[in-house]
Protein backbone atom coordinates (compact mmCIF):
# COMPACT_ATOMS: atom_id res chain seq x y z
CA MET A 1 1.43 12.03 -10.16
CA SER A 2 1.19 9.86 -12.45
CA LEU A 3 -0.18 6.36 -11.05
CA PRO A 4 2.63 3.31 -11.42
CA ASP A 5 1.57 -0.15 -12.78
CA THR A 6 2.77 -2.30 -10.01
CA PHE A 7 2.79 -1.53 -6.32
CA GLN A 8 4.92 -3.59 -3.26
CA THR A 9 3.23 -4.42 -0.38
CA ILE A 10 2.64 -7.50 2.24
CA SER A 11 0.84 -10.48 1.75
CA GLN A 12 -0.38 -10.97 5.59
CA SER A 13 0.75 -9.85 9.24
CA SER A 14 3.37 -10.97 11.00
CA GLU A 15 5.27 -10.81 14.12
CA GLY A 16 9.32 -10.32 15.30
CA GLU A 17 11.27 -9.65 18.69
CA PHE A 18 14.16 -8.35 19.51
CA LYS A 19 15.50 -7.83 22.90
CA ASP A 20 18.40 -5.51 23.95
CA LYS A 21 19.84 -4.85 28.10
CA GLY A 22 16.68 -6.77 28.99
CA SER A 23 14.44 -4.28 27.25
CA LYS A 24 11.80 -6.50 24.78
CA PHE A 25 10.63 -5.25 21.70
CA LEU A 26 8.07 -6.92 20.04
CA SER A 27 7.08 -6.02 16.54
CA PHE A 28 3.90 -6.35 13.83
CA ALA A 29 3.66 -5.88 10.38
CA ILE A 30 0.29 -5.28 9.23
CA PRO A 31 -1.16 -4.96 5.70
CA VAL A 32 -3.63 -1.76 5.91
CA LEU A 33 -5.99 -0.25 3.50
CA SER A 34 -6.56 3.47 5.01
CA GLU A 35 -5.01 5.60 7.88
CA GLU A 36 -8.15 4.67 9.62
CA ASP A 37 -8.05 1.07 9.17
CA ALA A 38 -4.04 1.39 10.84
CA LYS A 39 -5.27 3.27 13.61
CA GLU A 40 -7.60 0.22 14.37
CA HIS A 41 -4.83 -1.96 14.58
CA LEU A 42 -2.80 -0.24 16.66
CA LYS A 43 -5.63 0.37 19.02
CA LEU A 44 -6.02 -3.39 19.21
CA ILE A 45 -2.53 -3.80 20.01
CA ARG A 46 -2.31 -1.05 22.84
CA LYS A 47 -5.11 -2.20 24.23
CA GLU A 48 -3.04 -6.22 24.21
CA HIS A 49 -0.49 -4.84 25.51
CA PHE A 50 -1.31 -2.11 28.08
CA SER A 51 1.28 -2.38 30.31
CA ALA A 52 4.08 -1.94 28.04
CA ALA A 53 6.27 1.21 27.93
CA HIS A 54 5.84 2.56 24.56
CA VAL A 55 4.17 1.29 21.47
CA CYS A 56 5.82 3.03 18.29
CA TRP A 57 4.80 2.67 14.95
CA ALA A 58 5.37 3.59 11.24
CA PHE A 59 2.99 3.02 7.84
CA VAL A 60 3.10 4.06 4.77
CA LEU A 61 0.16 4.10 2.17
CA GLY A 62 -0.41 5.12 -1.33
CA TYR A 63 -0.18 3.41 -4.62
CA ASN A 64 3.11 5.83 -5.34
CA ALA A 65 4.28 5.06 -0.96
CA GLU A 66 3.60 8.90 -0.91
CA PHE A 67 1.90 9.17 2.37
CA GLU A 68 4.02 8.34 5.39
CA LYS A 69 3.27 8.72 9.09
CA SER A 70 5.18 7.97 12.50
CA SER A 71 5.16 8.13 16.03
CA ASP A 72 7.90 8.02 18.74
CA ASP A 73 5.02 7.33 21.37
CA ARG A 74 7.19 9.26 24.08
CA GLU A 75 10.82 7.82 22.97
CA PRO A 76 13.27 10.81 21.91
CA SER A 77 12.22 12.17 18.83
CA GLY A 78 13.51 10.21 15.72
CA SER A 79 14.66 7.38 18.01
CA ALA A 80 11.54 4.74 17.13
CA GLY A 81 9.04 6.18 14.64
CA ARG A 82 12.01 7.30 12.10
CA PRO A 83 13.63 3.80 12.08
CA ILE A 84 10.67 2.14 11.74
CA LEU A 85 9.73 4.21 8.59
CA ARG A 86 12.97 3.63 7.36
CA ALA A 87 12.57 -0.38 7.77
CA ILE A 88 9.38 -0.04 5.50
CA VAL A 89 10.80 2.21 2.98
CA GLU A 90 13.99 -0.12 2.31
CA LYS A 91 11.74 -2.55 1.38
CA LYS A 92 9.67 -0.02 -0.96
CA LEU A 93 6.55 -0.95 0.46
CA SER A 94 3.54 0.09 0.71
CA PHE A 95 -0.43 -0.10 2.48
CA THR A 96 1.58 -1.11 5.31
CA LEU A 97 1.96 -0.46 9.14
CA VAL A 98 4.94 -1.79 11.22
CA ALA A 99 4.11 -1.05 15.19
CA VAL A 100 6.65 -2.19 17.38
CA VAL A 101 5.98 -2.63 21.33
CA ARG A 102 8.69 -2.23 23.91
CA TYR A 103 9.06 -3.45 27.31
CA PHE A 104 11.66 -1.71 29.53
CA GLY A 105 13.86 -4.13 30.85
CA GLY A 106 15.80 -1.38 33.39
CA LYS A 107 18.62 -0.31 31.05
CA LEU A 108 18.42 2.81 28.89
CA LEU A 109 19.65 2.37 25.89
CA GLY A 110 20.26 5.95 24.61
CA VAL A 111 19.31 7.85 21.44
CA PRO A 112 21.83 5.38 18.86
CA GLY A 113 20.66 1.93 20.86
CA LEU A 114 17.01 2.97 20.36
CA ILE A 115 17.16 3.68 16.63
CA HIS A 116 18.99 0.37 16.24
CA ALA A 117 16.62 -1.13 18.39
CA TYR A 118 13.67 0.01 16.95
CA GLY A 119 15.01 -0.53 13.15
CA GLU A 120 15.76 -4.12 14.31
CA SER A 121 12.73 -4.90 15.47
CA ALA A 122 10.91 -3.59 12.30
CA ARG A 123 13.18 -5.41 9.75
CA ALA A 124 12.62 -8.56 11.74
CA ALA A 125 8.44 -8.66 11.43
CA ILE A 126 9.08 -7.56 7.64
CA GLY A 127 11.48 -10.19 7.04
CA LEU A 128 9.18 -12.94 8.62
CA ASN A 129 6.17 -11.63 5.88
CA GLN A 130 6.27 -12.05 2.44
CA GLN A 131 6.56 -9.01 -0.22
CA LYS A 132 4.14 -9.52 -3.49
CA GLU A 133 3.81 -6.94 -6.11
CA MET A 134 0.14 -5.84 -7.06
CA ARG A 135 -0.69 -5.13 -10.27
CA LEU A 136 -3.15 -1.22 -10.80
CA LEU A 137 -5.55 -1.24 -13.44
CA GLU A 138 -7.66 1.79 -14.37
CA GLN A 139 -10.92 0.68 -15.21
CA VAL A 140 -12.80 2.87 -17.95
CA PHE A 141 -15.92 2.75 -19.77
CA GLN A 142 -16.28 3.76 -23.41
CA PRO A 143 -19.41 4.48 -24.41
CA CYS A 144 -19.97 2.70 -28.07
CA ASP A 145 -23.30 2.02 -30.42
CA PHE A 146 -23.62 -1.78 -30.29
CA GLU A 147 -22.33 -1.74 -33.96
CA LYS A 148 -19.35 0.07 -33.67
CA GLN A 149 -18.18 -2.13 -30.27
CA HIS A 150 -15.68 -4.48 -32.77
CA GLU A 151 -13.37 -1.05 -33.89
CA ILE A 152 -13.47 -0.39 -29.85
CA ILE A 153 -12.24 -4.64 -28.72
CA ARG A 154 -9.87 -4.27 -32.07
CA ILE A 155 -7.90 -1.67 -29.92
CA CYS A 156 -8.21 -3.73 -26.63
CA LYS A 157 -6.75 -7.00 -28.06
CA HIS A 158 -3.87 -4.80 -29.66
CA TYR A 159 -2.87 -3.55 -25.92
CA GLN A 160 -3.81 -6.81 -24.59
CA LEU A 161 -6.47 -5.67 -22.52
CA LYS A 162 -8.87 -6.79 -20.42
CA PHE A 163 -12.51 -5.99 -21.88
CA TYR A 164 -16.36 -7.00 -21.87
CA PRO A 165 -19.37 -5.17 -23.06
CA ASP A 166 -21.16 -3.46 -20.50
CA ILE A 167 -24.07 -0.42 -19.69
CA GLN A 168 -22.90 2.08 -17.48
CA GLN A 169 -25.42 4.66 -16.83
CA GLU A 170 -27.88 3.88 -19.27
CA MET A 171 -25.24 3.64 -21.80
CA HIS A 172 -24.04 0.94 -24.39
CA GLY A 173 -20.33 0.33 -24.67
CA ILE A 174 -17.31 -1.12 -23.55
CA THR A 175 -15.29 -1.04 -20.03
CA MET A 176 -11.39 -1.60 -20.47
CA ASP A 177 -8.95 -2.63 -17.40
CA ILE A 178 -6.25 -0.36 -18.54
CA PRO A 179 -2.71 0.07 -17.13
CA PRO A 180 -1.87 3.34 -15.89
CA SER A 181 1.16 3.89 -18.57
CA GLN A 182 -1.25 2.44 -21.60
CA LYS A 183 -4.39 4.65 -20.15
CA ALA A 184 -3.12 7.88 -22.62
CA GLN A 185 -1.93 5.74 -25.17
CA VAL A 186 -5.26 3.68 -25.58
CA LEU A 187 -7.71 6.59 -25.10
CA GLU A 188 -5.98 8.71 -27.83
CA SER A 189 -6.50 5.79 -30.15
CA ILE A 190 -10.22 5.59 -29.54
CA GLN A 191 -10.80 8.93 -29.70
CA SER A 192 -9.12 9.38 -32.78
CA LEU A 193 -11.76 7.49 -34.26
CA GLY A 194 -13.91 9.80 -33.53
CA PHE A 195 -15.52 7.79 -30.10
CA PRO A 196 -17.49 10.23 -27.42
CA GLN A 197 -15.34 10.67 -24.00
CA SER A 198 -14.30 8.15 -22.15
CA ILE A 199 -15.78 7.85 -18.45
CA GLU A 200 -13.41 6.58 -15.45
CA ILE A 201 -14.99 4.11 -13.00
CA LYS A 202 -12.29 2.93 -10.32
CA ILE A 203 -9.11 1.73 -9.57
CA VAL A 204 -8.78 -2.19 -9.64
CA THR A 205 -5.49 -3.90 -7.67
CA CYS A 206 -5.02 -7.74 -8.44
CA SER A 207 -2.22 -9.72 -7.99
């Protein structure tokens, strides 16, 4: 799967609230970096709300928002995790966790009522947050003798890339930050001049 040039996430943690027939739903939208990060936040929420009837959640990860996971936490199947997940997907967010804590009010809501309550709770927390677009760059090192660096610099300027002379693995060359959509074209331009194969370093994100 190819990488996108940008992805959407949330800028900070936010909290929402929804009430229905005595039940109170507290929602938390939290930016996360990984599944392990999400699990750590869930542990803290469960610890703080140990007397709650349910802690249901969903998260989306990946630059293409390709990894999704959710939990109904003993609510009827599909009545909690899926509507929370749907609220995240609706906003095209990634690297985002939403947890909804339910304090039972004594009256059953039924599956349609739960779907509505958990979905609206999730939207409440997301709606109080600020959505932000993150740029994705692939950092690539191009081995290059000093006297030929001007050829690489010319290509970098043509594609308006950030670049800087560098030494990687005891080799002279230039490091470039390339948007994924331009990577193949940039490297093809460089290779056509007879330079050795480039070395991929890491993925960089910036707002």
